Amino acid sequence: MCHIWGMRRDDICLYLGPANRAKVEALIANRNTARKLVWRAEIVLATADGCGTVEIMRDATGNAVLPQ
């Protein structure tokens, strides 16, 4: 779960049911999945967990991406 308060947009909602979440997690766990697809799958899971764009980009790049 993401913990940046005040940065979450309530108009963006993504729900993954248990079966779909398992499929996405299986893609991430499969070592034969292309890195680009794994990166996108991680973004989908983070969005479904309620993370905002800044939090997702921080996790993906290791750097904070601050709005201009």
Protein backbone atom coordinates (compact mmCIF):
# COMPACT_ATOMS: atom_id res chain seq x y z
CA MET A 1 0.00 0.00 0.00
CA CYS A 2 1.23 3.48 -0.76
CA HIS A 3 1.57 6.05 1.96
CA ILE A 4 1.77 9.50 0.36
CA TRP A 5 -1.14 11.49 1.72
CA GLY A 6 -2.64 14.24 -0.38
CA MET A 7 -1.09 12.90 -3.58
CA ARG A 8 -3.77 10.35 -4.47
CA ARG A 9 -6.34 11.14 -7.16
CA ASP A 10 -9.75 9.80 -6.27
CA ASP A 11 -10.97 9.97 -9.87
CA ILE A 12 -8.58 7.20 -10.94
CA CYS A 13 -9.61 3.75 -9.80
CA LEU A 14 -8.37 0.35 -10.88
CA TYR A 15 -9.72 -2.83 -9.36
CA LEU A 16 -8.12 -6.21 -9.96
CA GLY A 17 -10.06 -9.24 -8.90
CA PRO A 18 -8.18 -12.12 -7.28
CA ALA A 19 -7.91 -14.09 -10.54
CA ASN A 20 -6.60 -11.13 -12.56
CA ARG A 21 -4.21 -10.13 -9.79
CA ALA A 22 -2.84 -13.68 -9.75
CA LYS A 23 -2.27 -13.54 -13.52
CA VAL A 24 -0.41 -10.23 -13.28
CA GLU A 25 1.67 -11.49 -10.35
CA ALA A 26 2.49 -14.64 -12.33
CA LEU A 27 3.76 -12.49 -15.21
CA ILE A 28 6.04 -10.65 -12.81
CA ALA A 29 7.31 -13.88 -11.23
CA ASN A 30 8.00 -15.60 -14.58
CA ARG A 31 11.68 -15.07 -15.38
CA ASN A 32 10.93 -15.44 -19.11
CA THR A 33 8.64 -12.38 -19.19
CA ALA A 34 10.14 -9.40 -21.00
CA ARG A 35 11.38 -6.69 -18.61
CA LYS A 36 9.18 -4.06 -20.28
CA LEU A 37 6.07 -6.17 -19.60
CA VAL A 38 7.15 -6.78 -16.00
CA TRP A 39 7.60 -3.02 -15.50
CA ARG A 40 4.10 -2.35 -16.82
CA ALA A 41 2.62 -5.14 -14.70
CA GLU A 42 4.25 -3.63 -11.60
CA ILE A 43 2.67 -0.27 -12.48
CA VAL A 44 -0.75 -1.92 -12.82
CA LEU A 45 -0.40 -3.59 -9.41
CA ALA A 46 0.76 -0.37 -7.78
CA THR A 47 -2.17 1.52 -9.29
CA ALA A 48 -4.59 -1.15 -8.09
CA ASP A 49 -3.07 -0.81 -4.60
CA GLY A 50 -3.84 2.92 -4.64
CA CYS A 51 -0.42 4.34 -5.39
CA GLY A 52 -0.21 7.66 -7.19
CA THR A 53 1.96 8.51 -10.17
CA VAL A 54 4.73 10.11 -8.11
CA GLU A 55 4.97 7.09 -5.81
CA ILE A 56 5.01 4.67 -8.76
CA MET A 57 7.73 6.61 -10.56
CA ARG A 58 9.79 6.84 -7.37
CA ASP A 59 9.60 3.07 -7.01
CA ALA A 60 10.39 2.48 -10.68
CA THR A 61 13.36 4.84 -10.99
CA GLY A 62 14.58 5.18 -7.42
CA ASN A 63 14.31 8.96 -7.79
CA ALA A 64 11.51 11.27 -6.78
CA VAL A 65 9.78 12.79 -9.78
CA LEU A 66 8.45 16.10 -8.57
CA PRO A 67 5.65 17.95 -10.35
CA GLN A 68 6.68 21.16 -12.09
